């Protein structure tokens, strides 16, 4: 199995333009929440007040994978997934129009934002070459946000050693 740095570096190869990374801060969480909302509708019961759903099953599987890669990122991503489940459950209980409106709306707008970012990048999204990019994308966004806040510098250094630094935009001369 690939390590945390292997996964982040593979994904980072497709994300070196800062404008693309910024679009991912917006688009990836929208897509992630959309998937949770859409999967939350398929429920088969409640356990300790938690709806048992495809969304929960997917969130648990993703969280376990993130924990396998790194405990600190696993903890953060588990909290994020729990928050998304808490938002998704009431939406899943709404009318079909409201549930689909939120789920498909977030999904569509999130992907438009992603493709705008990849236009700036000049490269297709990572998942076109490796479907694991769909699960690594949210982790990459969390890691990049942490790097911007000065966290996990050792991970950032390893990723940049493999993929190169984020490109800096050149200022136009006057």
C-alpha atoms as a PDB file:
ATOM      1  CA  UNK A   1       0.000   0.000   0.000  1.00  0.00           C
ATOM      2  CA  UNK A   2       1.201   3.502  -0.794  1.00  0.00           C
ATOM      3  CA  UNK A   3       2.282   5.740   2.053  1.00  0.00           C
ATOM      4  CA  UNK A   4       0.845   9.151   2.922  1.00  0.00           C
ATOM      5  CA  UNK A   5       3.652  10.904   1.063  1.00  0.00           C
ATOM      6  CA  UNK A   6       3.258   8.569  -1.935  1.00  0.00           C
ATOM      7  CA  UNK A   7      -0.458   9.408  -2.187  1.00  0.00           C
ATOM      8  CA  UNK A   8      -0.078  13.148  -1.596  1.00  0.00           C
ATOM      9  CA  UNK A   9       2.833  13.375  -4.048  1.00  0.00           C
ATOM     10  CA  UNK A  10       0.968  11.510  -6.777  1.00  0.00           C
ATOM     11  CA  UNK A  11      -1.959  13.883  -6.327  1.00  0.00           C
ATOM     12  CA  UNK A  12       0.284  16.941  -6.016  1.00  0.00           C
ATOM     13  CA  UNK A  13       1.802  16.195  -9.431  1.00  0.00           C
ATOM     14  CA  UNK A  14      -1.531  17.396 -10.866  1.00  0.00           C
ATOM     15  CA  UNK A  15      -1.838  20.379  -8.513  1.00  0.00           C
ATOM     16  CA  UNK A  16       1.106  22.770  -8.580  1.00  0.00           C
ATOM     17  CA  UNK A  17      -0.730  25.935  -9.685  1.00  0.00           C
ATOM     18  CA  UNK A  18      -1.887  27.963  -6.652  1.00  0.00           C
ATOM     19  CA  UNK A  19      -5.144  28.937  -8.386  1.00  0.00           C
ATOM     20  CA  UNK A  20      -5.968  25.267  -8.869  1.00  0.00           C
ATOM     21  CA  UNK A  21      -5.268  24.541  -5.212  1.00  0.00           C
ATOM     22  CA  UNK A  22      -7.557  27.417  -4.160  1.00  0.00           C
ATOM     23  CA  UNK A  23     -10.375  26.051  -6.323  1.00  0.00           C
ATOM     24  CA  UNK A  24      -9.899  22.708  -4.585  1.00  0.00           C
ATOM     25  CA  UNK A  25     -10.427  24.357  -1.180  1.00  0.00           C
ATOM     26  CA  UNK A  26     -13.947  25.144  -2.401  1.00  0.00           C
ATOM     27  CA  UNK A  27     -14.818  22.451  -4.935  1.00  0.00           C
ATOM     28  CA  UNK A  28     -13.565  19.321  -3.152  1.00  0.00           C
ATOM     29  CA  UNK A  29     -15.536  19.888   0.078  1.00  0.00           C
ATOM     30  CA  UNK A  30     -18.637  20.653  -2.008  1.00  0.00           C
ATOM     31  CA  UNK A  31     -18.262  17.391  -3.936  1.00  0.00           C
ATOM     32  CA  UNK A  32     -17.487  15.442  -0.785  1.00  0.00           C
ATOM     33  CA  UNK A  33     -20.563  16.833   1.001  1.00  0.00           C
ATOM     34  CA  UNK A  34     -22.673  16.162  -2.102  1.00  0.00           C
ATOM     35  CA  UNK A  35     -21.686  12.494  -2.134  1.00  0.00           C
ATOM     36  CA  UNK A  36     -22.442  12.178   1.582  1.00  0.00           C
ATOM     37  CA  UNK A  37     -25.837  13.859   1.097  1.00  0.00           C
ATOM     38  CA  UNK A  38     -26.737  11.627  -1.862  1.00  0.00           C
ATOM     39  CA  UNK A  39     -25.667   8.426  -0.072  1.00  0.00           C
ATOM     40  CA  UNK A  40     -27.389   9.405   3.184  1.00  0.00           C
ATOM     41  CA  UNK A  41     -30.832   8.736   1.700  1.00  0.00           C
ATOM     42  CA  UNK A  42     -30.285   4.964   1.556  1.00  0.00           C
ATOM     43  CA  UNK A  43     -30.864   4.065   5.237  1.00  0.00           C
ATOM     44  CA  UNK A  44     -31.638   0.757   6.886  1.00  0.00           C
ATOM     45  CA  UNK A  45     -32.002   1.725  10.516  1.00  0.00           C
ATOM     46  CA  UNK A  46     -30.621   3.717  13.415  1.00  0.00           C
ATOM     47  CA  UNK A  47     -28.026   2.661  15.983  1.00  0.00           C
ATOM     48  CA  UNK A  48     -27.409   4.829  19.048  1.00  0.00           C
ATOM     49  CA  UNK A  49     -29.129   7.718  17.276  1.00  0.00           C
ATOM     50  CA  UNK A  50     -26.924   7.416  14.187  1.00  0.00           C
ATOM     51  CA  UNK A  51     -28.653   6.630  10.880  1.00  0.00           C
ATOM     52  CA  UNK A  52     -27.173   3.515   9.287  1.00  0.00           C
ATOM     53  CA  UNK A  53     -26.724   4.471   5.658  1.00  0.00           C
ATOM     54  CA  UNK A  54     -24.523   4.106   2.630  1.00  0.00           C
ATOM     55  CA  UNK A  55     -23.076   7.499   3.603  1.00  0.00           C
ATOM     56  CA  UNK A  56     -22.023   6.160   7.000  1.00  0.00           C
ATOM     57  CA  UNK A  57     -20.527   3.020   5.450  1.00  0.00           C
ATOM     58  CA  UNK A  58     -18.560   5.105   2.950  1.00  0.00           C
ATOM     59  CA  UNK A  59     -17.439   7.568   5.624  1.00  0.00           C
ATOM     60  CA  UNK A  60     -16.218   4.761   7.885  1.00  0.00           C
ATOM     61  CA  UNK A  61     -14.306   3.132   5.018  1.00  0.00           C
ATOM     62  CA  UNK A  62     -12.724   6.447   4.011  1.00  0.00           C
ATOM     63  CA  UNK A  63     -11.869   7.330   7.625  1.00  0.00           C
ATOM     64  CA  UNK A  64     -10.205   3.954   8.150  1.00  0.00           C
ATOM     65  CA  UNK A  65      -8.109   4.500   5.021  1.00  0.00           C
ATOM     66  CA  UNK A  66      -7.096   7.998   6.152  1.00  0.00           C
ATOM     67  CA  UNK A  67      -6.172   6.607   9.602  1.00  0.00           C
ATOM     68  CA  UNK A  68      -4.090   3.919   7.889  1.00  0.00           C
ATOM     69  CA  UNK A  69      -2.157   6.633   6.060  1.00  0.00           C
ATOM     70  CA  UNK A  70      -1.664   8.955   9.043  1.00  0.00           C
ATOM     71  CA  UNK A  71      -3.215   9.214  12.520  1.00  0.00           C
ATOM     72  CA  UNK A  72      -3.335  13.030  12.644  1.00  0.00           C
ATOM     73  CA  UNK A  73      -4.879  13.385   9.202  1.00  0.00           C
ATOM     74  CA  UNK A  74      -7.130  10.434  10.008  1.00  0.00           C
ATOM     75  CA  UNK A  75      -8.432  12.212  13.090  1.00  0.00           C
ATOM     76  CA  UNK A  76      -9.066  15.430  11.156  1.00  0.00           C
ATOM     77  CA  UNK A  77     -10.773  13.654   8.257  1.00  0.00           C
ATOM     78  CA  UNK A  78     -12.912  11.573  10.654  1.00  0.00           C
ATOM     79  CA  UNK A  79     -14.136  14.786  12.295  1.00  0.00           C
ATOM     80  CA  UNK A  80     -14.832  16.328   8.898  1.00  0.00           C
ATOM     81  CA  UNK A  81     -16.742  13.256   7.736  1.00  0.00           C
ATOM     82  CA  UNK A  82     -18.758  13.202  10.984  1.00  0.00           C
ATOM     83  CA  UNK A  83     -19.710  16.848  10.453  1.00  0.00           C
ATOM     84  CA  UNK A  84     -20.757  16.101   6.881  1.00  0.00           C
ATOM     85  CA  UNK A  85     -22.858  13.156   8.060  1.00  0.00           C
ATOM     86  CA  UNK A  86     -24.541  15.449  10.587  1.00  0.00           C
ATOM     87  CA  UNK A  87     -25.413  17.906   7.804  1.00  0.00           C
ATOM     88  CA  UNK A  88     -26.445  15.182   5.352  1.00  0.00           C
ATOM     89  CA  UNK A  89     -28.831  13.243   7.580  1.00  0.00           C
ATOM     90  CA  UNK A  90     -31.477  15.996   7.858  1.00  0.00           C
ATOM     91  CA  UNK A  91     -31.179  16.787   4.141  1.00  0.00           C
ATOM     92  CA  UNK A  92     -31.692  13.118   3.305  1.00  0.00           C
ATOM     93  CA  UNK A  93     -34.960  13.224   5.236  1.00  0.00           C
ATOM     94  CA  UNK A  94     -36.362  16.085   3.162  1.00  0.00           C
ATOM     95  CA  UNK A  95     -38.465  15.754   0.034  1.00  0.00           C
ATOM     96  CA  UNK A  96     -36.827  14.157  -2.967  1.00  0.00           C
ATOM     97  CA  UNK A  97     -36.588  17.560  -4.683  1.00  0.00           C
ATOM     98  CA  UNK A  98     -34.775  19.178  -1.753  1.00  0.00           C
ATOM     99  CA  UNK A  99     -32.474  16.181  -1.211  1.00  0.00           C
ATOM    100  CA  UNK A 100     -31.564  15.943  -4.901  1.00  0.00           C
ATOM    101  CA  UNK A 101     -31.345  19.713  -5.258  1.00  0.00           C
ATOM    102  CA  UNK A 102     -28.717  19.924  -2.539  1.00  0.00           C
ATOM    103  CA  UNK A 103     -26.882  16.742  -3.521  1.00  0.00           C
ATOM    104  CA  UNK A 104     -26.775  17.273  -7.271  1.00  0.00           C
ATOM    105  CA  UNK A 105     -26.390  21.046  -6.937  1.00  0.00           C
ATOM    106  CA  UNK A 106     -23.327  20.788  -4.708  1.00  0.00           C
ATOM    107  CA  UNK A 107     -21.921  18.032  -6.904  1.00  0.00           C
ATOM    108  CA  UNK A 108     -22.342  19.958 -10.157  1.00  0.00           C
ATOM    109  CA  UNK A 109     -21.090  23.308  -8.874  1.00  0.00           C
ATOM    110  CA  UNK A 110     -18.174  21.617  -7.114  1.00  0.00           C
ATOM    111  CA  UNK A 111     -17.055  19.960 -10.348  1.00  0.00           C
ATOM    112  CA  UNK A 112     -17.373  23.185 -12.331  1.00  0.00           C
ATOM    113  CA  UNK A 113     -15.066  24.839  -9.794  1.00  0.00           C
ATOM    114  CA  UNK A 114     -12.655  21.900 -10.049  1.00  0.00           C
ATOM    115  CA  UNK A 115     -12.476  22.092 -13.825  1.00  0.00           C
ATOM    116  CA  UNK A 116     -11.834  25.835 -13.675  1.00  0.00           C
ATOM    117  CA  UNK A 117      -8.859  25.075 -11.445  1.00  0.00           C
ATOM    118  CA  UNK A 118      -7.573  22.444 -13.829  1.00  0.00           C
ATOM    119  CA  UNK A 119      -7.885  24.928 -16.680  1.00  0.00           C
ATOM    120  CA  UNK A 120      -5.359  27.097 -14.817  1.00  0.00           C
ATOM    121  CA  UNK A 121      -3.249  24.045 -14.060  1.00  0.00           C
ATOM    122  CA  UNK A 122      -3.199  23.050 -17.713  1.00  0.00           C
ATOM    123  CA  UNK A 123      -3.604  19.440 -16.713  1.00  0.00           C
ATOM    124  CA  UNK A 124      -6.495  17.009 -16.309  1.00  0.00           C
ATOM    125  CA  UNK A 125      -7.681  15.978 -12.828  1.00  0.00           C
ATOM    126  CA  UNK A 126      -5.652  13.246 -11.123  1.00  0.00           C
ATOM    127  CA  UNK A 127      -8.535  10.769 -10.983  1.00  0.00           C
ATOM    128  CA  UNK A 128      -8.507  10.520 -14.797  1.00  0.00           C
ATOM    129  CA  UNK A 129      -5.279   8.533 -14.417  1.00  0.00           C
ATOM    130  CA  UNK A 130      -5.848   7.004 -10.976  1.00  0.00           C
ATOM    131  CA  UNK A 131      -9.291   6.604  -9.421  1.00  0.00           C
ATOM    132  CA  UNK A 132      -7.666   6.860  -5.968  1.00  0.00           C
ATOM    133  CA  UNK A 133      -7.498  10.592  -6.672  1.00  0.00           C
ATOM    134  CA  UNK A 134     -11.170  10.732  -5.691  1.00  0.00           C
ATOM    135  CA  UNK A 135     -10.388   9.694  -2.109  1.00  0.00           C
ATOM    136  CA  UNK A 136      -7.015  11.446  -1.900  1.00  0.00           C
ATOM    137  CA  UNK A 137      -8.442  14.797  -3.086  1.00  0.00           C
ATOM    138  CA  UNK A 138     -10.068  15.643   0.258  1.00  0.00           C
ATOM    139  CA  UNK A 139      -6.923  14.583   2.129  1.00  0.00           C
ATOM    140  CA  UNK A 140      -4.800  16.718  -0.204  1.00  0.00           C
ATOM    141  CA  UNK A 141      -6.992  19.749   0.521  1.00  0.00           C
ATOM    142  CA  UNK A 142      -6.628  19.145   4.274  1.00  0.00           C
ATOM    143  CA  UNK A 143      -2.856  18.761   3.891  1.00  0.00           C
ATOM    144  CA  UNK A 144      -2.487  21.894   1.735  1.00  0.00           C
ATOM    145  CA  UNK A 145      -4.556  23.889   4.205  1.00  0.00           C
ATOM    146  CA  UNK A 146      -2.322  22.639   6.991  1.00  0.00           C
ATOM    147  CA  UNK A 147       0.798  23.506   5.012  1.00  0.00           C
ATOM    148  CA  UNK A 148      -0.546  27.033   4.477  1.00  0.00           C
ATOM    149  CA  UNK A 149      -1.010  27.298   8.260  1.00  0.00           C
ATOM    150  CA  UNK A 150       2.552  26.116   8.877  1.00  0.00           C
ATOM    151  CA  UNK A 151       1.606  22.596   9.978  1.00  0.00           C
ATOM    152  CA  UNK A 152       3.245  19.295   8.984  1.00  0.00           C
ATOM    153  CA  UNK A 153       6.284  20.971   7.384  1.00  0.00           C
ATOM    154  CA  UNK A 154       8.037  17.588   7.240  1.00  0.00           C
ATOM    155  CA  UNK A 155       5.249  16.159   5.070  1.00  0.00           C
ATOM    156  CA  UNK A 156       5.209  19.288   2.900  1.00  0.00           C
ATOM    157  CA  UNK A 157       8.981  19.030   2.387  1.00  0.00           C
ATOM    158  CA  UNK A 158       8.732  15.383   1.301  1.00  0.00           C
ATOM    159  CA  UNK A 159       5.843  16.098  -1.082  1.00  0.00           C
ATOM    160  CA  UNK A 160       7.666  19.080  -2.594  1.00  0.00           C
ATOM    161  CA  UNK A 161      10.853  17.044  -2.947  1.00  0.00           C
ATOM    162  CA  UNK A 162       8.927  14.578  -5.116  1.00  0.00           C
ATOM    163  CA  UNK A 163       6.464  16.883  -6.913  1.00  0.00           C
ATOM    164  CA  UNK A 164       8.173  20.257  -6.778  1.00  0.00           C
ATOM    165  CA  UNK A 165       6.921  23.332  -4.968  1.00  0.00           C
ATOM    166  CA  UNK A 166       3.651  25.056  -5.719  1.00  0.00           C
ATOM    167  CA  UNK A 167       4.359  27.373  -8.645  1.00  0.00           C
ATOM    168  CA  UNK A 168       4.474  31.037  -7.785  1.00  0.00           C
ATOM    169  CA  UNK A 169       2.647  33.359 -10.127  1.00  0.00           C
ATOM    170  CA  UNK A 170       4.971  35.805 -11.773  1.00  0.00           C
ATOM    171  CA  UNK A 171       4.071  39.447 -11.350  1.00  0.00           C
ATOM    172  CA  UNK A 172       3.599  41.256 -14.653  1.00  0.00           C
ATOM    173  CA  UNK A 173       6.131  44.034 -15.148  1.00  0.00           C
ATOM    174  CA  UNK A 174       4.804  47.549 -15.423  1.00  0.00           C
END
